[in-house]
Amino acid sequence: MLIFYVVFFFLIIRFAVTLFNFISNPKLPSSAIEYTDLVSILIPARNEEDNILNLLRSIKMQDYKNIEVIVLDDNSSDETFNICEKFGASDSRFKILKGQSLIEGWLGKNFACHQLAEAAKGKYLLFLDADEIIADGLINNALHRVKQGKLALLSLFTNQRMITVGERLVVPLMHFLLLNSLPLRLVRLSSNPALSAASGQFMLFESTLYHAHQWHAQVKDKIVEDIEIMKLVKAYQYKAEALLANGYISCRMYKSYTEAVDGFSKNLLAGFNYNIPGLICYLLLIIVGPIFIALLLNYSLLFFAISLIVLTRIMISLASGQNVLSNLFLHPLQMFSLVLISVISIRKYLTKKTNWKGRIIES
């Protein structure tokens, strides 16, 4: 019966964390104060011909005008460079750089971000991924948050755009794992680096501290560089924060089930600090645990467990701007996808090779 109590304790703890996140509402707030600081928007791009124009157009339409936008073409084999060069020809704030050949010991994105920072002139450095779209108010509101909190780093978890069923079976897992595992407010309130969360899809740095510490250089060989940078920033006793984007920035990360599974498997085990027993234990508690309760045929306790799971999914869906009914209906299949992703992630780690955007990543 001990396992029975362990499963329920785990369900209740996860529900409590989710409830805290839902009530504390860790979203980027709006600001009535307007700022004019130069912001360098830095975009690493590798084979992004299908996405990059949507981002560049959304940046150009921003109400915040004092920006420089630098795209670094990371040795793309498609038309990324030509598309960006043509777009920037009509607006001097936009420029496109050719990335250097990858140096041994670096991972591609980390090296691209390092080069971008070296070329930037802004007081603030904003790193975005090429497959995003931003809305009016993002830059000014993010600057206000950084200034108000005297933050060295602000990271936002973007709203996810999903079209196919395959995407809906995988992409919601990101917010699911995040919001029932870590009270986001503690990223700022606690100085403990263990309480760190970040998304490389939006990383806003104060430039002086960035250049002093060369954050991407310090994590040059890390697959999950965003979390590792957040840990570093906190280890140096600087203030940092991670929030939900609150609709100010959206992203369609993947366009199929296979692509999503492959992408998530690159990061999942790293998110568990490469602790394979820890990941397996998590899966047993989150998936096998409720099945174990169901087999006991205690309907009162089963109803209680299901209620906790349903309420957790409702709160996470609402907080992340996702479809509640879709996540409830697809929950069993999403859990199957989580197991599949975990198996692939463990296999990639044990074989020491991960393929991402045409490059082999040694893990």
Protein backbone atom coordinates (compact mmCIF):
# COMPACT_ATOMS: atom_id res chain seq x y z
CA MET A 1 0.00 0.00 0.00
CA LEU A 2 3.00 2.30 0.31
CA ILE A 3 3.05 2.90 -3.44
CA PHE A 4 -0.62 3.86 -3.22
CA TYR A 5 0.18 6.70 -0.80
CA VAL A 6 3.22 7.75 -2.84
CA VAL A 7 1.11 8.08 -5.98
CA PHE A 8 -1.52 10.18 -4.23
CA PHE A 9 1.10 12.35 -2.56
CA PHE A 10 2.67 12.97 -5.98
CA LEU A 11 -0.70 13.83 -7.55
CA ILE A 12 -1.54 16.24 -4.73
CA ILE A 13 1.87 17.95 -4.88
CA ARG A 14 1.59 18.42 -8.64
CA PHE A 15 -1.93 19.80 -8.23
CA ALA A 16 -0.71 22.20 -5.53
CA VAL A 17 2.11 23.49 -7.77
CA THR A 18 -0.31 23.95 -10.65
CA LEU A 19 -2.79 25.74 -8.40
CA PHE A 20 -0.04 28.08 -7.15
CA ASN A 21 0.96 28.91 -10.74
CA PHE A 22 -2.66 29.45 -11.74
CA ILE A 23 -3.44 31.75 -8.80
CA SER A 24 -0.13 33.66 -8.91
CA ASN A 25 -0.67 34.21 -12.67
CA PRO A 26 3.00 34.47 -13.76
CA LYS A 27 2.36 36.33 -17.01
CA LEU A 28 4.09 39.33 -18.56
CA PRO A 29 2.04 42.38 -17.49
CA SER A 30 1.44 45.47 -19.59
CA SER A 31 3.00 48.85 -18.83
CA ALA A 32 1.78 52.39 -19.41
CA ILE A 33 5.34 53.73 -19.22
CA GLU A 34 7.04 54.09 -22.60
CA TYR A 35 10.76 53.49 -23.06
CA THR A 36 13.19 54.51 -25.79
CA ASP A 37 16.33 52.44 -25.06
CA LEU A 38 17.99 50.82 -28.07
CA VAL A 39 17.08 47.14 -28.16
CA SER A 40 19.06 44.71 -30.30
CA ILE A 41 16.77 41.94 -31.55
CA LEU A 42 19.02 38.98 -32.33
CA ILE A 43 17.79 36.05 -34.41
CA PRO A 44 19.84 32.92 -35.13
CA ALA A 45 18.47 31.30 -38.29
CA ARG A 46 19.33 27.99 -39.93
CA ASN A 47 17.15 26.83 -42.84
CA GLU A 48 14.23 29.07 -41.83
CA GLU A 49 12.98 30.19 -45.26
CA ASP A 50 9.43 29.11 -44.38
CA ASN A 51 9.29 31.06 -41.09
CA ILE A 52 11.61 34.04 -40.96
CA LEU A 53 9.50 36.50 -42.98
CA ASN A 54 6.56 36.22 -40.58
CA LEU A 55 8.81 37.19 -37.68
CA LEU A 56 10.52 40.05 -39.52
CA ARG A 57 7.18 41.51 -40.60
CA SER A 58 5.81 41.33 -37.06
CA ILE A 59 8.91 43.11 -35.75
CA LYS A 60 8.62 45.85 -38.37
CA MET A 61 5.01 46.47 -37.33
CA GLN A 62 5.94 46.86 -33.66
CA ASP A 63 5.03 50.10 -31.94
CA TYR A 64 8.50 50.11 -30.34
CA LYS A 65 10.74 51.69 -32.98
CA ASN A 66 14.22 52.11 -31.42
CA ILE A 67 15.53 48.73 -32.44
CA GLU A 68 18.22 47.11 -34.49
CA VAL A 69 17.44 43.68 -35.88
CA ILE A 70 20.30 41.32 -36.67
CA VAL A 71 19.70 37.96 -38.29
CA LEU A 72 22.61 35.54 -38.39
CA ASP A 73 22.37 33.01 -41.19
CA ASP A 74 23.88 29.91 -39.59
CA ASN A 75 25.17 28.22 -42.76
CA SER A 76 21.70 27.59 -44.18
CA SER A 77 21.27 25.44 -47.27
CA ASP A 78 18.04 27.19 -48.29
CA GLU A 79 17.04 30.77 -49.14
CA THR A 80 17.14 32.15 -45.60
CA PHE A 81 19.97 34.61 -46.30
CA ASN A 82 18.50 35.96 -49.54
CA ILE A 83 15.04 36.40 -48.00
CA CYS A 84 16.42 38.35 -45.05
CA GLU A 85 18.75 40.43 -47.22
CA LYS A 86 15.89 41.44 -49.50
CA PHE A 87 13.66 42.32 -46.54
CA GLY A 88 16.36 44.42 -44.87
CA ALA A 89 17.08 46.40 -48.04
CA SER A 90 14.03 48.60 -47.36
CA ASP A 91 14.71 49.22 -43.66
CA SER A 92 18.16 50.14 -42.34
CA ARG A 93 17.30 48.76 -38.89
CA PHE A 94 17.42 45.23 -40.32
CA LYS A 95 20.67 43.52 -41.23
CA ILE A 96 21.70 39.97 -42.11
CA LEU A 97 25.07 38.42 -41.25
CA LYS A 98 26.75 35.29 -42.54
CA GLY A 99 27.68 33.06 -39.63
CA GLN A 100 31.18 31.70 -39.16
CA SER A 101 31.88 28.00 -39.54
CA LEU A 102 31.06 26.13 -36.35
CA ILE A 103 34.01 25.93 -33.96
CA GLU A 104 34.78 22.62 -32.25
CA GLY A 105 33.38 22.50 -28.75
CA TRP A 106 30.40 24.74 -29.56
CA LEU A 107 26.82 23.83 -30.38
CA GLY A 108 25.34 25.63 -33.38
CA LYS A 109 22.71 27.83 -31.75
CA ASN A 110 24.97 28.84 -28.88
CA PHE A 111 27.72 29.88 -31.28
CA ALA A 112 25.24 31.79 -33.43
CA CYS A 113 23.91 33.68 -30.40
CA HIS A 114 27.45 34.49 -29.30
CA GLN A 115 28.24 35.98 -32.72
CA LEU A 116 25.02 37.98 -32.68
CA ALA A 117 25.82 39.49 -29.29
CA GLU A 118 29.27 40.50 -30.53
CA ALA A 119 27.67 42.44 -33.39
CA ALA A 120 24.94 44.11 -31.28
CA LYS A 121 24.99 47.73 -30.12
CA GLY A 122 21.85 47.86 -28.00
CA LYS A 123 21.53 48.54 -24.30
CA TYR A 124 19.41 45.40 -24.18
CA LEU A 125 19.86 42.16 -26.11
CA LEU A 126 16.73 40.26 -27.09
CA PHE A 127 17.21 36.77 -28.51
CA LEU A 128 14.29 35.37 -30.51
CA ASP A 129 13.81 32.18 -32.51
CA ALA A 130 13.07 32.51 -36.21
CA ASP A 131 9.72 30.68 -36.09
CA GLU A 132 7.96 33.21 -33.85
CA ILE A 133 5.55 36.12 -34.29
CA ILE A 134 5.49 39.04 -31.85
CA ALA A 135 2.65 41.41 -30.98
CA ASP A 136 2.56 45.12 -30.15
CA GLY A 137 3.60 45.86 -26.60
CA LEU A 138 6.03 42.97 -26.24
CA ILE A 139 9.28 44.94 -26.26
CA ASN A 140 8.10 47.84 -24.11
CA ASN A 141 6.39 45.60 -21.56
CA ALA A 142 9.42 43.32 -21.35
CA LEU A 143 11.73 46.32 -20.86
CA HIS A 144 9.47 47.61 -18.10
CA ARG A 145 9.65 44.26 -16.33
CA VAL A 146 13.44 44.18 -16.58
CA LYS A 147 13.82 47.73 -15.32
CA GLN A 148 11.22 47.35 -12.58
CA GLY A 149 12.79 44.16 -11.25
CA LYS A 150 16.40 45.15 -12.02
CA LEU A 151 16.73 41.88 -13.91
CA ALA A 152 19.83 40.60 -15.65
CA LEU A 153 17.63 38.20 -17.62
CA LEU A 154 13.94 37.91 -18.47
CA SER A 155 12.75 34.80 -20.29
CA LEU A 156 9.25 34.21 -21.65
CA PHE A 157 7.48 30.96 -22.45
CA THR A 158 5.70 31.70 -25.70
CA ASN A 159 2.12 30.89 -26.60
CA GLN A 160 2.11 27.85 -28.86
CA ARG A 161 0.24 27.76 -32.16
CA MET A 162 -0.87 24.23 -33.09
CA ILE A 163 -2.71 23.24 -36.26
CA THR A 164 -2.42 19.49 -36.73
CA VAL A 165 -3.53 16.79 -34.31
CA GLY A 166 0.06 15.56 -34.23
CA GLU A 167 1.21 18.89 -32.81
CA ARG A 168 -1.55 18.81 -30.18
CA LEU A 169 -0.35 15.39 -29.04
CA VAL A 170 3.10 16.73 -28.17
CA VAL A 171 3.47 20.52 -27.93
CA PRO A 172 1.17 21.00 -24.87
CA LEU A 173 3.55 18.79 -22.91
CA MET A 174 5.96 21.73 -22.60
CA HIS A 175 3.60 23.81 -20.46
CA PHE A 176 2.26 20.67 -18.78
CA LEU A 177 5.71 19.67 -17.49
CA LEU A 178 6.61 23.26 -16.61
CA LEU A 179 3.52 24.40 -14.73
CA ASN A 180 2.98 21.31 -12.59
CA SER A 181 6.64 20.90 -11.70
CA LEU A 182 7.89 24.37 -10.73
CA PRO A 183 6.22 27.43 -9.17
CA LEU A 184 7.36 29.99 -11.76
CA ARG A 185 7.35 32.88 -9.29
CA LEU A 186 10.16 31.16 -7.38
CA VAL A 187 12.52 31.66 -10.32
CA ARG A 188 12.66 35.33 -9.34
CA LEU A 189 11.95 35.08 -5.62
CA SER A 190 14.53 32.40 -4.85
CA SER A 191 18.28 32.77 -5.39
CA ASN A 192 18.66 29.00 -5.59
CA PRO A 193 19.93 28.07 -9.10
CA ALA A 194 18.08 24.75 -8.79
CA LEU A 195 14.84 26.71 -9.10
CA SER A 196 15.50 27.76 -12.67
CA ALA A 197 13.38 27.76 -15.79
CA ALA A 198 13.85 29.55 -19.10
CA SER A 199 12.93 29.38 -22.77
CA GLY A 200 15.45 30.13 -25.49
CA GLN A 201 12.54 31.38 -27.61
CA PHE A 202 12.69 34.68 -25.69
CA MET A 203 15.75 35.76 -23.70
CA LEU A 204 16.15 39.46 -22.85
CA PHE A 205 19.48 40.48 -21.30
CA GLU A 206 20.91 43.69 -19.94
CA SER A 207 23.82 44.05 -22.36
CA THR A 208 26.53 45.23 -19.95
CA LEU A 209 26.18 42.13 -17.80
CA TYR A 210 25.85 39.91 -20.86
CA HIS A 211 29.12 41.13 -22.33
CA ALA A 212 30.85 40.96 -18.95
CA HIS A 213 29.94 37.30 -18.48
CA GLN A 214 29.56 36.06 -22.06
CA TRP A 215 26.62 33.87 -21.07
CA HIS A 216 26.41 31.85 -24.28
CA ALA A 217 30.15 31.24 -24.26
CA GLN A 218 29.89 29.82 -20.75
CA VAL A 219 27.33 27.24 -21.93
CA LYS A 220 28.75 26.73 -25.41
CA ASP A 221 28.39 22.92 -25.33
CA LYS A 222 25.04 22.69 -23.51
CA ILE A 223 21.96 21.42 -25.38
CA VAL A 224 19.52 23.14 -23.01
CA GLU A 225 21.42 26.40 -22.99
CA ASP A 226 18.49 28.52 -21.83
CA ILE A 227 18.10 26.79 -18.45
CA GLU A 228 21.87 26.58 -18.00
CA ILE A 229 22.19 30.34 -18.56
CA MET A 230 19.39 30.99 -16.07
CA LYS A 231 21.25 28.86 -13.51
CA LEU A 232 24.44 30.80 -14.18
CA VAL A 233 22.75 34.18 -13.83
CA LYS A 234 21.30 33.14 -10.48
CA ALA A 235 24.59 31.57 -9.35
CA TYR A 236 26.23 34.98 -9.88
CA GLN A 237 23.50 36.39 -7.59
CA TYR A 238 21.84 38.48 -10.29
CA LYS A 239 18.07 38.78 -10.48
CA ALA A 240 16.24 36.89 -13.20
CA GLU A 241 12.67 35.94 -14.01
CA ALA A 242 10.71 33.54 -16.21
CA LEU A 243 7.11 34.32 -17.15
CA LEU A 244 4.38 33.21 -19.54
CA ALA A 245 4.19 35.38 -22.65
CA ASN A 246 0.54 36.35 -22.13
CA GLY A 247 -0.17 36.42 -25.86
CA TYR A 248 2.60 38.89 -26.72
CA ILE A 249 4.63 36.29 -28.58
CA SER A 250 3.57 33.09 -30.30
CA CYS A 251 5.36 30.26 -32.00
CA ARG A 252 4.56 27.23 -34.09
CA MET A 253 7.41 25.01 -32.98
CA TYR A 254 6.70 21.96 -35.13
CA LYS A 255 4.45 21.05 -38.06
CA SER A 256 3.96 17.30 -37.57
CA TYR A 257 3.90 14.61 -34.91
CA THR A 258 7.23 13.13 -36.03
CA GLU A 259 8.93 16.53 -36.05
CA ALA A 260 7.55 17.36 -32.60
CA VAL A 261 8.62 14.05 -31.06
CA ASP A 262 12.11 14.46 -32.52
CA GLY A 263 12.38 18.04 -31.27
CA PHE A 264 11.17 17.35 -27.74
CA SER A 265 13.37 14.27 -27.40
CA LYS A 266 16.40 16.53 -27.91
CA ASN A 267 15.66 18.42 -24.69
CA LEU A 268 13.56 16.22 -22.40
CA LEU A 269 16.25 14.25 -20.59
CA ALA A 270 18.44 17.35 -20.35
CA GLY A 271 15.51 19.03 -18.57
CA PHE A 272 15.76 16.27 -15.96
CA ASN A 273 19.50 17.00 -15.64
CA TYR A 274 20.24 13.74 -17.50
CA ASN A 275 18.89 11.76 -14.55
CA ILE A 276 17.48 8.65 -16.24
CA PRO A 277 16.17 7.05 -13.00
CA GLY A 278 14.53 10.35 -12.10
CA LEU A 279 12.76 10.56 -15.48
CA ILE A 280 11.61 6.94 -15.25
CA CYS A 281 10.32 7.50 -11.71
CA TYR A 282 8.41 10.57 -12.90
CA LEU A 283 6.81 8.58 -15.72
CA LEU A 284 5.82 5.76 -13.37
CA LEU A 285 4.16 8.16 -10.96
CA ILE A 286 2.41 10.29 -13.57
CA ILE A 287 1.20 7.51 -15.85
CA VAL A 288 1.38 4.11 -14.14
CA GLY A 289 0.25 5.55 -10.81
CA PRO A 290 -3.28 6.50 -11.92
CA ILE A 291 -3.61 3.15 -13.72
CA PHE A 292 -2.63 1.40 -10.47
CA ILE A 293 -5.35 3.31 -8.61
CA ALA A 294 -7.90 2.34 -11.26
CA LEU A 295 -7.02 -1.34 -10.87
CA LEU A 296 -7.80 -1.18 -7.16
CA LEU A 297 -11.43 -0.52 -8.13
CA ASN A 298 -11.89 1.97 -5.31
CA TYR A 299 -14.20 4.31 -7.18
CA SER A 300 -14.13 7.12 -4.62
CA LEU A 301 -10.35 7.32 -4.69
CA LEU A 302 -10.29 6.88 -8.46
CA PHE A 303 -12.73 9.80 -8.86
CA PHE A 304 -10.51 11.91 -6.57
CA ALA A 305 -7.40 11.08 -8.61
CA ILE A 306 -9.13 11.78 -11.93
CA SER A 307 -10.47 15.06 -10.54
CA LEU A 308 -6.94 16.18 -9.64
CA ILE A 309 -5.69 15.32 -13.13
CA VAL A 310 -8.61 17.05 -14.86
CA LEU A 311 -8.36 20.21 -12.76
CA THR A 312 -4.61 20.30 -13.34
CA ARG A 313 -5.09 20.11 -17.11
CA ILE A 314 -7.79 22.79 -17.04
CA MET A 315 -5.62 25.25 -15.09
CA ILE A 316 -2.53 24.64 -17.22
CA SER A 317 -4.51 25.01 -20.44
CA LEU A 318 -6.07 28.28 -19.34
CA ALA A 319 -2.76 29.70 -18.07
CA SER A 320 -0.94 28.83 -21.31
CA GLY A 321 -3.73 29.94 -23.65
CA GLN A 322 -4.42 26.44 -24.97
CA ASN A 323 -7.67 24.66 -25.80
CA VAL A 324 -9.01 23.08 -22.60
CA LEU A 325 -11.25 20.45 -24.22
CA SER A 326 -8.53 19.40 -26.64
CA ASN A 327 -6.00 18.82 -23.86
CA LEU A 328 -8.53 16.92 -21.73
CA PHE A 329 -9.61 14.70 -24.61
CA LEU A 330 -6.07 14.05 -25.81
CA HIS A 331 -4.51 13.62 -22.36
CA PRO A 332 -4.08 9.80 -22.57
CA LEU A 333 -2.45 10.07 -26.01
CA GLN A 334 -0.26 12.95 -24.82
CA MET A 335 0.94 10.73 -21.97
CA PHE A 336 1.74 7.98 -24.47
CA SER A 337 3.68 10.57 -26.49
CA LEU A 338 5.58 11.56 -23.34
CA VAL A 339 6.67 7.95 -22.83
CA LEU A 340 7.73 7.69 -26.47
CA ILE A 341 9.68 10.95 -26.28
CA SER A 342 11.35 9.77 -23.06
CA VAL A 343 12.47 6.50 -24.63
CA ILE A 344 13.90 8.31 -27.67
CA SER A 345 15.57 10.93 -25.47
CA ILE A 346 17.24 8.26 -23.33
CA ARG A 347 18.37 6.38 -26.43
CA LYS A 348 19.88 9.53 -27.93
CA TYR A 349 21.71 10.23 -24.69
CA LEU A 350 23.10 6.71 -24.37
CA THR A 351 24.26 6.65 -27.99
CA LYS A 352 25.76 10.14 -27.49
CA LYS A 353 24.34 11.50 -30.73
CA THR A 354 21.45 13.84 -31.44
CA ASN A 355 20.69 15.15 -34.91
CA TRP A 356 19.27 18.67 -35.06
CA LYS A 357 18.82 20.77 -38.19
CA GLY A 358 21.35 18.71 -40.10
CA ARG A 359 24.02 18.71 -37.41
CA ILE A 360 25.06 15.86 -35.13
CA ILE A 361 25.06 17.03 -31.51
CA GLU A 362 27.29 15.11 -29.15
CA SER A 363 25.37 14.83 -25.87
